[in-house]
Protein backbone atom coordinates (compact mmCIF):
# COMPACT_ATOMS: atom_id res chain seq x y z
CA MET A 1 -3.89 82.89 215.52
CA VAL A 2 -3.42 82.86 219.27
CA THR A 3 -0.71 80.73 220.87
CA THR A 4 -1.75 78.18 223.50
CA LEU A 5 -0.84 79.38 226.98
CA ASP A 6 -0.87 77.18 230.08
CA THR A 7 -1.32 78.25 233.69
CA GLU A 8 -1.66 76.15 236.81
CA ARG A 9 -5.42 75.65 236.40
CA LEU A 10 -6.20 76.87 232.89
CA THR A 11 -5.34 76.34 229.26
CA LEU A 12 -5.78 79.39 227.05
CA ARG A 13 -6.12 78.07 223.51
CA PRO A 14 -7.60 78.89 220.13
CA PHE A 15 -11.34 78.48 219.91
CA GLN A 16 -12.69 75.28 218.33
CA PRO A 17 -16.13 74.81 216.73
CA ASN A 18 -17.36 72.58 219.58
CA ASP A 19 -16.76 75.43 222.06
CA ALA A 20 -20.10 76.83 220.93
CA ILE A 21 -21.86 74.53 223.42
CA ASP A 22 -19.98 75.83 226.48
CA LEU A 23 -20.08 79.41 225.18
CA TYR A 24 -23.85 79.27 224.82
CA ASP A 25 -24.17 77.75 228.30
CA TYR A 26 -22.78 80.86 229.97
CA ALA A 27 -23.19 83.61 227.36
CA LYS A 28 -26.98 83.25 227.24
CA ARG A 29 -27.11 84.37 230.87
CA PRO A 30 -28.21 88.00 231.32
CA GLU A 31 -25.38 88.85 233.72
CA VAL A 32 -22.60 88.04 231.21
CA GLY A 33 -22.96 89.80 227.85
CA PRO A 34 -24.11 93.24 228.95
CA ASN A 35 -21.06 93.53 231.25
CA ALA A 36 -18.89 93.04 228.15
CA GLY A 37 -20.94 95.21 225.79
CA TRP A 38 -22.91 92.55 223.95
CA ASN A 39 -26.36 91.02 224.24
CA PRO A 40 -26.94 87.61 225.83
CA LEU A 41 -26.83 84.90 223.16
CA LYS A 42 -30.28 83.82 222.01
CA SER A 43 -29.53 80.53 220.24
CA MET A 44 -26.96 77.84 219.60
CA GLU A 45 -26.68 79.14 216.03
CA GLU A 46 -25.68 82.56 217.35
CA SER A 47 -23.10 80.90 219.61
CA GLN A 48 -21.69 78.99 216.62
CA SER A 49 -21.44 82.27 214.70
CA VAL A 50 -19.53 83.94 217.56
CA VAL A 51 -17.11 81.02 217.80
CA ALA A 52 -16.59 81.09 214.02
CA ARG A 53 -15.79 84.82 214.28
CA PHE A 54 -13.30 84.18 217.12
CA ILE A 55 -11.63 81.50 214.99
CA ASP A 56 -11.50 83.76 211.91
CA GLN A 57 -10.16 86.79 213.79
CA GLY A 58 -7.58 84.75 215.68
CA ASP A 59 -7.16 87.20 218.57
CA THR A 60 -9.31 85.57 221.26
CA TRP A 61 -8.43 82.63 223.49
CA ALA A 62 -10.88 80.11 224.85
CA ILE A 63 -10.30 79.72 228.59
CA GLU A 64 -10.39 76.01 229.35
CA HIS A 65 -10.65 74.81 232.94
CA LYS A 66 -8.08 72.00 233.18
CA PRO A 67 -9.85 69.81 235.77
CA THR A 68 -13.16 69.70 233.86
CA LYS A 69 -11.93 70.39 230.28
CA ARG A 70 -14.82 72.87 229.97
CA MET A 71 -14.48 76.15 228.13
CA ILE A 72 -15.40 78.63 230.87
CA GLY A 73 -14.66 81.99 229.28
CA SER A 74 -12.82 84.01 226.69
CA ILE A 75 -10.02 86.53 226.69
CA GLY A 76 -8.97 88.61 223.72
CA LEU A 77 -6.14 90.93 222.80
CA HIS A 78 -7.55 93.03 219.98
CA LEU A 79 -5.52 95.36 217.77
CA HIS A 80 -7.11 98.82 217.37
CA THR A 81 -6.18 102.25 216.02
CA ASP A 82 -6.87 105.35 218.09
CA LEU A 83 -8.14 108.67 216.73
CA LYS A 84 -4.55 109.80 216.08
CA GLY A 85 -3.76 106.69 214.02
CA ARG A 86 -1.68 104.96 216.72
CA LEU A 87 -1.95 101.20 217.16
CA TYR A 88 -2.76 99.71 220.54
CA HIS A 89 -3.99 96.40 221.92
CA GLU A 90 -7.23 96.19 223.89
CA LEU A 91 -7.82 93.44 226.40
CA GLY A 92 -11.35 92.05 226.70
CA PHE A 93 -12.62 89.16 228.79
CA ALA A 94 -15.71 87.29 229.91
CA LEU A 95 -16.07 84.42 232.37
CA SER A 96 -18.90 82.07 233.22
CA PRO A 97 -20.54 83.21 236.47
CA ASP A 98 -20.15 79.64 237.74
CA TYR A 99 -16.36 80.15 237.76
CA GLN A 100 -16.17 83.71 239.07
CA GLY A 101 -14.63 84.43 242.46
CA TYR A 102 -11.89 81.78 242.24
CA GLY A 103 -9.11 83.86 240.67
CA TYR A 104 -9.42 82.29 237.22
CA MET A 105 -9.64 85.60 235.37
CA ASN A 106 -6.64 86.99 237.24
CA GLU A 107 -4.73 83.88 236.18
CA ALA A 108 -5.83 84.20 232.55
CA VAL A 109 -5.07 87.93 232.31
CA ASN A 110 -1.65 87.39 233.89
CA ALA A 111 -0.82 84.80 231.24
CA VAL A 112 -1.99 87.03 228.39
CA LEU A 113 -0.08 90.05 229.73
CA TYR A 114 3.12 88.03 230.06
CA HIS A 115 2.65 86.78 226.50
CA ALA A 116 1.87 90.29 225.19
CA PHE A 117 4.80 92.04 226.83
CA MET A 118 7.47 89.34 226.96
CA ASP A 119 6.78 87.20 223.88
CA LYS A 120 5.12 89.67 221.50
CA ASP A 121 6.96 92.83 222.65
CA ILE A 122 3.73 94.85 222.72
CA ALA A 123 4.26 98.40 224.02
CA VAL A 124 0.90 99.06 225.69
CA VAL A 125 -2.30 97.21 226.55
CA LYS A 126 -5.54 99.08 227.23
CA VAL A 127 -8.65 97.80 228.96
CA TYR A 128 -12.07 99.24 229.74
CA HIS A 129 -14.91 98.33 232.07
CA PHE A 130 -18.39 99.75 232.42
CA MET A 131 -19.06 101.73 235.58
CA ASP A 132 -21.37 99.08 237.04
CA ASN A 133 -19.03 96.14 236.36
CA LEU A 134 -17.23 96.03 239.70
CA LYS A 135 -15.88 92.49 239.20
CA SER A 136 -13.95 93.51 236.09
CA GLU A 137 -12.81 96.68 237.84
CA ARG A 138 -11.28 94.59 240.65
CA VAL A 139 -9.46 92.32 238.17
CA ILE A 140 -8.11 95.32 236.26
CA GLN A 141 -6.90 97.13 239.36
CA ARG A 142 -5.49 94.00 241.00
CA LEU A 143 -3.31 93.37 237.94
CA GLY A 144 -1.76 96.82 238.03
CA PHE A 145 -3.50 98.65 235.21
CA ILE A 146 -3.35 102.42 235.58
CA TYR A 147 -6.56 104.47 235.37
CA ASP A 148 -6.64 106.94 232.47
CA GLN A 149 -10.07 108.49 232.26
CA THR A 150 -13.81 107.98 232.13
CA VAL A 151 -15.04 107.67 228.55
CA VAL A 152 -18.15 107.05 226.50
CA TYR A 153 -17.77 103.57 225.01
CA GLN A 154 -19.79 102.37 222.01
CA THR A 155 -21.24 98.90 222.67
CA VAL A 156 -22.73 96.35 220.31
CA SER A 157 -25.82 95.86 222.45
CA THR A 158 -26.87 99.06 224.17
CA GLY A 159 -25.13 101.83 222.28
CA GLU A 160 -23.16 104.25 224.39
CA LYS A 161 -22.19 103.42 227.97
CA ILE A 162 -19.92 105.17 230.43
CA ALA A 163 -16.69 103.25 231.03
CA LYS A 164 -13.37 103.63 232.78
CA SER A 165 -10.24 103.39 230.64
CA TYR A 166 -6.93 101.93 231.87
CA HIS A 167 -3.53 101.17 230.38
CA LEU A 168 -0.43 99.17 231.22
CA THR A 169 2.85 99.68 229.37
CA GLN A 170 5.50 97.06 228.91
CA LYS A 171 7.84 99.08 231.18
CA GLU A 172 5.18 99.39 233.90
CA TYR A 173 4.50 95.67 233.67
CA LYS A 174 8.18 94.76 233.93
CA ASP A 175 8.70 97.17 236.85
CA LYS A 176 5.72 95.69 238.75
CA LYS A 177 6.99 92.15 238.11
CA GLY A 178 10.64 92.98 238.86
CA ILE A 179 11.73 91.98 235.35
CA LYS A 180 14.79 93.67 233.83
């Protein structure tokens, strides 16, 4: 279960069943899902199923916009195992196009990274973006992630896509933030 995190303009909190309405509102749009590796949602029932999965898995925050109380996106920190059997955490995020360009995702990622490295003592966070997703690339680079390599990434919706892989270690994060 994710811990509620507050920023100046956002509340990152566990998903709730009624978030399916706001999720469907933005995730049905064709410019959202494919950038994150999934198809646009086709129905409210599908949105309810996604929210139920987020609740069950407990590793994805709903991004709530404080002034409007709307759920405007999601951000997850997912535990994975690499081919050598090592554990790592992968960051994934999506934001309603209506709220892009205002720094909300930077704010949300900053909060999750602080929580991951300072509260949870996670050693490394990885993140990927598809080659044509320049908005995510800018967020990733702005927050200090270090480019690793270009990889073939298996998506839910379109199969294999070319993506860039990045990482940020706890030490790199602390050095960038001036934290001892």
